[in-house]
């Protein structure tokens, strides 16, 4: 197998069949945007993980202060809220991870069409997505 420059390709599904230069340009744009989305999801997942860690550490500190001051009977509500919040963060991160994996496999399968234009679309989209999304990590 080798890469070819062609404007005819079937991408991912039978209905995504490209037979013209305009169709190839549109397909490259779609794959490029998919790669940008993939990089953005990676950054979003990192930010969500950081927010979850910060959110989980603050109630723990407050909980230990309350334990020193209050009786043991009043600690059950903050603990259950903390566990519930952890569950929602973990569930959200899991969903985002699944979406990221699906998009990654779609990009991999698109590249496995061995069409050079599609390959360039994935590479350029990944570079543009990283360039646009990486500065957002510094706001964490």
N, C-alpha and C. Protein backbone atom coordinates (compact mmCIF):
# COMPACT_ATOMS: atom_id res chain seq x y z
N UNK A 1 0.85 -1.17 0.00
CA UNK A 1 0.00 0.00 0.00
C UNK A 1 0.90 1.24 0.00
N UNK A 2 0.44 2.25 -0.67
CA UNK A 2 1.16 3.51 -0.74
C UNK A 2 0.17 4.66 -0.88
N UNK A 3 0.64 5.84 -0.53
CA UNK A 3 -0.20 7.03 -0.62
C UNK A 3 -0.33 7.46 -2.08
N UNK A 4 -1.52 7.93 -2.43
CA UNK A 4 -1.76 8.39 -3.80
C UNK A 4 -2.41 9.77 -3.76
N UNK A 5 -2.13 10.57 -4.79
CA UNK A 5 -2.81 11.85 -4.99
C UNK A 5 -3.97 11.58 -5.92
N UNK A 6 -5.17 11.62 -5.40
CA UNK A 6 -6.34 11.36 -6.22
C UNK A 6 -7.53 12.15 -5.67
N UNK A 7 -8.48 12.43 -6.55
CA UNK A 7 -9.69 13.10 -6.09
C UNK A 7 -10.85 12.12 -5.96
N UNK A 8 -10.53 10.83 -6.01
CA UNK A 8 -11.55 9.79 -5.88
C UNK A 8 -11.20 8.92 -4.66
N UNK A 9 -12.13 8.89 -3.71
CA UNK A 9 -11.89 8.11 -2.49
C UNK A 9 -13.23 7.87 -1.79
N UNK A 10 -13.30 6.78 -1.04
CA UNK A 10 -14.44 6.51 -0.16
C UNK A 10 -13.91 6.64 1.26
N UNK A 11 -14.51 7.55 2.03
CA UNK A 11 -14.04 7.82 3.39
C UNK A 11 -15.04 7.31 4.42
N UNK A 12 -14.59 6.47 5.30
CA UNK A 12 -15.30 6.00 6.49
C UNK A 12 -16.60 5.23 6.19
N UNK A 13 -17.47 5.77 5.36
CA UNK A 13 -18.76 5.14 5.08
C UNK A 13 -18.99 5.15 3.57
N UNK A 14 -19.84 4.25 3.11
CA UNK A 14 -20.12 4.17 1.68
C UNK A 14 -20.75 5.45 1.12
N UNK A 15 -21.54 6.14 1.94
CA UNK A 15 -22.18 7.35 1.45
C UNK A 15 -21.21 8.52 1.33
N UNK A 16 -20.00 8.41 1.92
CA UNK A 16 -19.01 9.48 1.81
C UNK A 16 -18.05 9.12 0.69
N UNK A 17 -18.55 9.13 -0.50
CA UNK A 17 -17.78 8.79 -1.68
C UNK A 17 -17.45 10.07 -2.45
N UNK A 18 -16.17 10.30 -2.67
CA UNK A 18 -15.71 11.53 -3.31
C UNK A 18 -15.29 11.20 -4.74
N UNK A 19 -15.79 12.00 -5.70
CA UNK A 19 -15.49 11.75 -7.12
C UNK A 19 -15.05 13.00 -7.86
N UNK A 20 -14.85 14.12 -7.15
CA UNK A 20 -14.49 15.36 -7.84
C UNK A 20 -13.51 16.16 -7.00
N UNK A 21 -12.78 17.09 -7.62
CA UNK A 21 -11.87 17.94 -6.85
C UNK A 21 -12.60 18.78 -5.79
N UNK A 22 -13.79 19.27 -6.12
CA UNK A 22 -14.55 20.05 -5.13
C UNK A 22 -14.97 19.17 -3.95
N UNK A 23 -15.37 17.95 -4.23
CA UNK A 23 -15.72 17.02 -3.16
C UNK A 23 -14.52 16.68 -2.30
N UNK A 24 -13.35 16.56 -2.94
CA UNK A 24 -12.13 16.27 -2.18
C UNK A 24 -11.76 17.45 -1.29
N UNK A 25 -11.89 18.68 -1.82
CA UNK A 25 -11.60 19.86 -1.01
C UNK A 25 -12.53 19.94 0.20
N UNK A 26 -13.80 19.65 -0.01
CA UNK A 26 -14.76 19.66 1.09
C UNK A 26 -14.44 18.55 2.10
N UNK A 27 -14.06 17.38 1.61
CA UNK A 27 -13.72 16.28 2.51
C UNK A 27 -12.46 16.59 3.31
N UNK A 28 -11.47 17.21 2.68
CA UNK A 28 -10.26 17.61 3.40
C UNK A 28 -10.61 18.63 4.48
N UNK A 29 -11.50 19.56 4.16
CA UNK A 29 -11.93 20.55 5.15
C UNK A 29 -12.64 19.89 6.33
N UNK A 30 -13.50 18.93 6.05
CA UNK A 30 -14.21 18.22 7.12
C UNK A 30 -13.24 17.46 8.00
N UNK A 31 -12.28 16.77 7.38
CA UNK A 31 -11.29 16.01 8.16
C UNK A 31 -10.39 16.96 8.94
N UNK A 32 -10.05 18.09 8.35
CA UNK A 32 -9.25 19.10 9.04
C UNK A 32 -9.99 19.60 10.28
N UNK A 33 -11.27 19.92 10.13
CA UNK A 33 -12.06 20.38 11.28
C UNK A 33 -12.23 19.29 12.33
N UNK A 34 -12.30 18.06 11.89
CA UNK A 34 -12.38 16.94 12.83
C UNK A 34 -11.09 16.84 13.66
N UNK A 35 -9.95 17.07 13.02
CA UNK A 35 -8.67 17.05 13.74
C UNK A 35 -8.56 18.22 14.70
N UNK A 36 -9.06 19.39 14.30
CA UNK A 36 -9.08 20.55 15.20
C UNK A 36 -9.96 20.25 16.41
N UNK A 37 -11.11 19.63 16.17
CA UNK A 37 -12.00 19.25 17.27
C UNK A 37 -11.32 18.26 18.21
N UNK A 38 -10.59 17.31 17.66
CA UNK A 38 -9.88 16.32 18.47
C UNK A 38 -8.88 17.01 19.41
N UNK A 39 -8.11 17.95 18.87
CA UNK A 39 -7.13 18.66 19.71
C UNK A 39 -7.83 19.53 20.74
N UNK A 40 -8.94 20.13 20.37
CA UNK A 40 -9.68 20.95 21.33
C UNK A 40 -10.25 20.11 22.46
N UNK A 41 -10.71 18.91 22.13
CA UNK A 41 -11.23 18.01 23.17
C UNK A 41 -10.11 17.60 24.12
N UNK A 42 -8.92 17.38 23.58
CA UNK A 42 -7.79 17.03 24.46
C UNK A 42 -7.53 18.13 25.48
N UNK A 43 -7.53 19.38 25.03
CA UNK A 43 -7.30 20.50 25.94
C UNK A 43 -8.48 20.64 26.91
N UNK A 44 -9.69 20.50 26.40
CA UNK A 44 -10.86 20.59 27.28
C UNK A 44 -10.86 19.52 28.35
N UNK A 45 -10.41 18.33 27.98
CA UNK A 45 -10.34 17.24 28.96
C UNK A 45 -9.31 17.54 30.03
N UNK A 46 -8.19 18.13 29.65
CA UNK A 46 -7.17 18.50 30.63
C UNK A 46 -7.69 19.58 31.57
N UNK A 47 -8.40 20.56 31.01
CA UNK A 47 -8.96 21.62 31.86
C UNK A 47 -10.01 21.06 32.82
N UNK A 48 -10.84 20.15 32.34
CA UNK A 48 -11.85 19.54 33.19
C UNK A 48 -11.21 18.73 34.30
N UNK A 49 -10.16 18.03 33.99
CA UNK A 49 -9.45 17.27 35.01
C UNK A 49 -8.87 18.18 36.08
N UNK A 50 -8.31 19.30 35.66
CA UNK A 50 -7.76 20.26 36.62
C UNK A 50 -8.88 20.84 37.50
N UNK A 51 -10.00 21.22 36.87
CA UNK A 51 -11.11 21.77 37.64
C UNK A 51 -11.67 20.75 38.61
N UNK A 52 -11.70 19.49 38.20
CA UNK A 52 -12.19 18.44 39.10
C UNK A 52 -11.25 18.28 40.29
N UNK A 53 -9.95 18.32 40.03
CA UNK A 53 -8.99 18.18 41.12
C UNK A 53 -9.10 19.35 42.10
N UNK A 54 -9.23 20.56 41.58
CA UNK A 54 -9.37 21.73 42.44
C UNK A 54 -10.68 21.67 43.21
N UNK A 55 -11.74 21.30 42.54
CA UNK A 55 -13.05 21.24 43.18
C UNK A 55 -13.09 20.16 44.26
N UNK A 56 -12.42 19.08 44.04
CA UNK A 56 -12.43 17.99 45.02
C UNK A 56 -11.52 18.30 46.21
N UNK A 57 -10.48 19.10 46.02
CA UNK A 57 -9.56 19.36 47.12
C UNK A 57 -10.12 20.40 48.09
N UNK A 58 -10.90 21.35 47.62
CA UNK A 58 -11.43 22.40 48.49
C UNK A 58 -12.41 21.84 49.52
N UNK A 59 -13.39 21.02 49.14
CA UNK A 59 -14.30 20.48 50.15
C UNK A 59 -13.59 19.56 51.15
N UNK A 60 -12.54 18.90 50.73
CA UNK A 60 -11.81 18.03 51.65
C UNK A 60 -11.19 18.85 52.77
N UNK A 61 -10.62 19.99 52.43
CA UNK A 61 -10.03 20.86 53.44
C UNK A 61 -11.13 21.40 54.36
N UNK A 62 -12.25 21.82 53.77
CA UNK A 62 -13.35 22.33 54.58
C UNK A 62 -13.91 21.23 55.46
N UNK A 63 -13.96 20.01 54.96
CA UNK A 63 -14.51 18.89 55.71
C UNK A 63 -13.65 18.60 56.94
N UNK A 64 -12.33 18.66 56.80
CA UNK A 64 -11.47 18.39 57.95
C UNK A 64 -11.60 19.49 58.99
N UNK A 65 -11.80 20.74 58.55
CA UNK A 65 -12.01 21.82 59.51
C UNK A 65 -13.33 21.63 60.25
N UNK A 66 -14.37 21.20 59.52
CA UNK A 66 -15.67 20.99 60.15
C UNK A 66 -15.63 19.83 61.13
N UNK A 67 -14.85 18.80 60.83
CA UNK A 67 -14.75 17.65 61.71
C UNK A 67 -14.14 18.06 63.04
N UNK A 68 -13.17 18.96 63.01
CA UNK A 68 -12.55 19.41 64.25
C UNK A 68 -13.52 20.24 65.09
N UNK A 69 -14.43 20.97 64.42
CA UNK A 69 -15.29 21.88 65.15
C UNK A 69 -16.66 21.29 65.48
N UNK A 70 -17.19 20.46 64.59
CA UNK A 70 -18.55 19.95 64.76
C UNK A 70 -18.54 18.51 65.25
N UNK A 71 -19.75 18.01 65.49
CA UNK A 71 -19.88 16.62 65.90
C UNK A 71 -19.78 15.72 64.68
N UNK A 72 -19.62 14.43 64.88
CA UNK A 72 -19.47 13.48 63.79
C UNK A 72 -20.76 13.29 63.00
N UNK A 73 -21.91 13.54 63.55
CA UNK A 73 -23.18 13.34 62.88
C UNK A 73 -23.42 14.30 61.73
N UNK A 74 -22.81 15.47 61.73
CA UNK A 74 -23.06 16.47 60.68
C UNK A 74 -22.14 16.30 59.48
N UNK A 75 -21.21 15.33 59.47
CA UNK A 75 -20.25 15.18 58.39
C UNK A 75 -20.80 14.38 57.21
N UNK A 76 -21.91 13.70 57.36
CA UNK A 76 -22.39 12.82 56.29
C UNK A 76 -22.85 13.58 55.06
N UNK A 77 -23.47 14.76 55.21
CA UNK A 77 -23.96 15.50 54.05
C UNK A 77 -22.82 16.02 53.17
N UNK A 78 -21.76 16.66 53.70
CA UNK A 78 -20.68 17.12 52.82
C UNK A 78 -19.96 15.95 52.14
N UNK A 79 -19.83 14.83 52.83
CA UNK A 79 -19.15 13.69 52.24
C UNK A 79 -19.96 13.16 51.06
N UNK A 80 -21.28 13.04 51.20
CA UNK A 80 -22.09 12.52 50.12
C UNK A 80 -22.12 13.49 48.94
N UNK A 81 -22.13 14.80 49.21
CA UNK A 81 -22.08 15.77 48.12
C UNK A 81 -20.74 15.70 47.40
N UNK A 82 -19.67 15.47 48.14
CA UNK A 82 -18.35 15.35 47.52
C UNK A 82 -18.29 14.12 46.64
N UNK A 83 -18.82 13.01 47.10
CA UNK A 83 -18.83 11.80 46.29
C UNK A 83 -19.71 11.96 45.05
N UNK A 84 -20.84 12.63 45.22
CA UNK A 84 -21.73 12.86 44.08
C UNK A 84 -21.05 13.76 43.06
N UNK A 85 -20.39 14.81 43.51
CA UNK A 85 -19.68 15.70 42.61
C UNK A 85 -18.56 14.96 41.90
N UNK A 86 -17.83 14.11 42.64
CA UNK A 86 -16.77 13.32 42.01
C UNK A 86 -17.35 12.40 40.94
N UNK A 87 -18.51 11.80 41.23
CA UNK A 87 -19.15 10.92 40.26
C UNK A 87 -19.49 11.67 38.97
N UNK A 88 -20.06 12.88 39.10
CA UNK A 88 -20.43 13.66 37.91
C UNK A 88 -19.20 14.08 37.12
N UNK A 89 -18.13 14.50 37.79
CA UNK A 89 -16.89 14.84 37.09
C UNK A 89 -16.34 13.62 36.37
N UNK A 90 -16.31 12.51 37.05
CA UNK A 90 -15.77 11.28 36.45
C UNK A 90 -16.62 10.82 35.27
N UNK A 91 -17.94 10.91 35.41
CA UNK A 91 -18.83 10.53 34.32
C UNK A 91 -18.63 11.44 33.11
N UNK A 92 -18.52 12.75 33.35
CA UNK A 92 -18.27 13.70 32.27
C UNK A 92 -16.95 13.45 31.58
N UNK A 93 -15.91 13.19 32.36
CA UNK A 93 -14.60 12.90 31.77
C UNK A 93 -14.65 11.61 30.96
N UNK A 94 -15.40 10.64 31.41
CA UNK A 94 -15.52 9.38 30.67
C UNK A 94 -16.22 9.60 29.34
N UNK A 95 -17.29 10.39 29.33
CA UNK A 95 -17.99 10.68 28.08
C UNK A 95 -17.08 11.44 27.11
N UNK A 96 -16.37 12.41 27.61
CA UNK A 96 -15.45 13.17 26.75
C UNK A 96 -14.36 12.26 26.21
N UNK A 97 -13.88 11.34 27.03
CA UNK A 97 -12.85 10.40 26.58
C UNK A 97 -13.38 9.51 25.45
N UNK A 98 -14.61 9.03 25.59
CA UNK A 98 -15.20 8.18 24.54
C UNK A 98 -15.32 8.97 23.24
N UNK A 99 -15.77 10.21 23.32
CA UNK A 99 -15.89 11.05 22.12
C UNK A 99 -14.52 11.26 21.49
N UNK A 100 -13.51 11.50 22.31
CA UNK A 100 -12.15 11.70 21.81
C UNK A 100 -11.64 10.44 21.11
N UNK A 101 -11.89 9.28 21.68
CA UNK A 101 -11.43 8.02 21.07
C UNK A 101 -12.14 7.78 19.75
N UNK A 102 -13.45 8.02 19.69
CA UNK A 102 -14.20 7.82 18.45
C UNK A 102 -13.68 8.73 17.35
N UNK A 103 -13.47 10.01 17.67
CA UNK A 103 -12.94 10.94 16.67
C UNK A 103 -11.54 10.52 16.24
N UNK A 104 -10.72 10.06 17.18
CA UNK A 104 -9.38 9.60 16.84
C UNK A 104 -9.39 8.41 15.89
N UNK A 105 -10.29 7.47 16.14
CA UNK A 105 -10.39 6.32 15.23
C UNK A 105 -10.93 6.74 13.87
N UNK A 106 -11.87 7.68 13.83
CA UNK A 106 -12.35 8.17 12.54
C UNK A 106 -11.21 8.79 11.74
N UNK A 107 -10.38 9.59 12.41
CA UNK A 107 -9.23 10.19 11.71
C UNK A 107 -8.26 9.12 11.24
N UNK A 108 -8.01 8.12 12.08
CA UNK A 108 -7.10 7.05 11.69
C UNK A 108 -7.64 6.31 10.46
N UNK A 109 -8.93 6.00 10.46
CA UNK A 109 -9.51 5.31 9.32
C UNK A 109 -9.51 6.18 8.06
N UNK A 110 -9.67 7.48 8.23
CA UNK A 110 -9.60 8.38 7.07
C UNK A 110 -8.19 8.36 6.48
N UNK A 111 -7.18 8.38 7.33
CA UNK A 111 -5.79 8.32 6.85
C UNK A 111 -5.53 6.98 6.18
N UNK A 112 -6.17 5.93 6.67
CA UNK A 112 -5.95 4.61 6.09
C UNK A 112 -6.60 4.45 4.71
N UNK A 113 -7.24 5.50 4.21
CA UNK A 113 -7.69 5.49 2.82
C UNK A 113 -6.49 5.67 1.89
N UNK A 114 -5.35 6.02 2.46
CA UNK A 114 -4.09 6.23 1.73
C UNK A 114 -4.21 7.31 0.68
N UNK A 115 -5.10 8.27 0.93
CA UNK A 115 -5.19 9.43 0.07
C UNK A 115 -4.34 10.53 0.68
N UNK A 116 -3.42 11.07 -0.10
CA UNK A 116 -2.47 12.05 0.42
C UNK A 116 -3.17 13.33 0.86
N UNK A 117 -4.19 13.75 0.14
CA UNK A 117 -4.90 14.97 0.51
C UNK A 117 -5.58 14.82 1.86
N UNK A 118 -6.18 13.70 2.10
CA UNK A 118 -6.82 13.44 3.39
C UNK A 118 -5.78 13.39 4.50
N UNK A 119 -4.65 12.75 4.22
CA UNK A 119 -3.55 12.70 5.19
C UNK A 119 -3.08 14.10 5.55
N UNK A 120 -2.89 14.95 4.53
CA UNK A 120 -2.49 16.33 4.79
C UNK A 120 -3.55 17.08 5.59
N UNK A 121 -4.82 16.81 5.32
CA UNK A 121 -5.89 17.44 6.08
C UNK A 121 -5.83 17.09 7.56
N UNK A 122 -5.56 15.83 7.86
CA UNK A 122 -5.45 15.41 9.26
C UNK A 122 -4.24 16.06 9.93
N UNK A 123 -3.10 16.08 9.23
CA UNK A 123 -1.88 16.65 9.80
C UNK A 123 -2.03 18.15 10.03
N UNK A 124 -2.52 18.86 9.03
CA UNK A 124 -2.70 20.32 9.16
C UNK A 124 -3.76 20.62 10.22
N UNK A 125 -4.84 19.86 10.24
CA UNK A 125 -5.87 20.07 11.26
C UNK A 125 -5.36 19.83 12.66
N UNK A 126 -4.53 18.83 12.82
CA UNK A 126 -3.94 18.57 14.13
C UNK A 126 -3.02 19.71 14.56
N UNK A 127 -2.23 20.21 13.61
CA UNK A 127 -1.32 21.32 13.92
C UNK A 127 -2.10 22.59 14.25
N UNK A 128 -3.12 22.90 13.46
CA UNK A 128 -3.93 24.10 13.71
C UNK A 128 -4.69 23.96 15.03
N UNK A 129 -5.24 22.79 15.28
CA UNK A 129 -5.96 22.57 16.53
C UNK A 129 -5.05 22.72 17.74
N UNK A 130 -3.84 22.19 17.65
CA UNK A 130 -2.90 22.33 18.76
C UNK A 130 -2.51 23.78 18.93
N UNK A 131 -2.27 24.48 17.82
CA UNK A 131 -1.88 25.89 17.86
C UNK A 131 -2.97 26.75 18.50
N UNK A 132 -4.22 26.46 18.17
CA UNK A 132 -5.33 27.25 18.70
C UNK A 132 -5.71 26.86 20.13
N UNK A 133 -5.64 25.59 20.45
CA UNK A 133 -6.13 25.11 21.75
C UNK A 133 -5.06 25.16 22.85
N UNK A 134 -3.80 25.02 22.51
CA UNK A 134 -2.75 24.95 23.53
C UNK A 134 -2.71 26.19 24.42
N UNK A 135 -2.85 27.42 23.88
CA UNK A 135 -2.84 28.59 24.78
C UNK A 135 -3.95 28.57 25.83
N UNK A 136 -5.02 27.84 25.58
CA UNK A 136 -6.10 27.76 26.56
C UNK A 136 -5.67 27.02 27.81
N UNK A 137 -4.65 26.17 27.70
CA UNK A 137 -4.16 25.46 28.88
C UNK A 137 -3.48 26.40 29.87
N UNK A 138 -2.92 27.51 29.37
CA UNK A 138 -2.25 28.43 30.28
C UNK A 138 -3.23 29.18 31.17
N UNK A 139 -4.51 29.16 30.81
CA UNK A 139 -5.52 29.80 31.64
C UNK A 139 -5.95 28.94 32.81
N UNK A 140 -5.45 27.72 32.87
CA UNK A 140 -5.81 26.79 33.95
C UNK A 140 -5.16 27.19 35.23
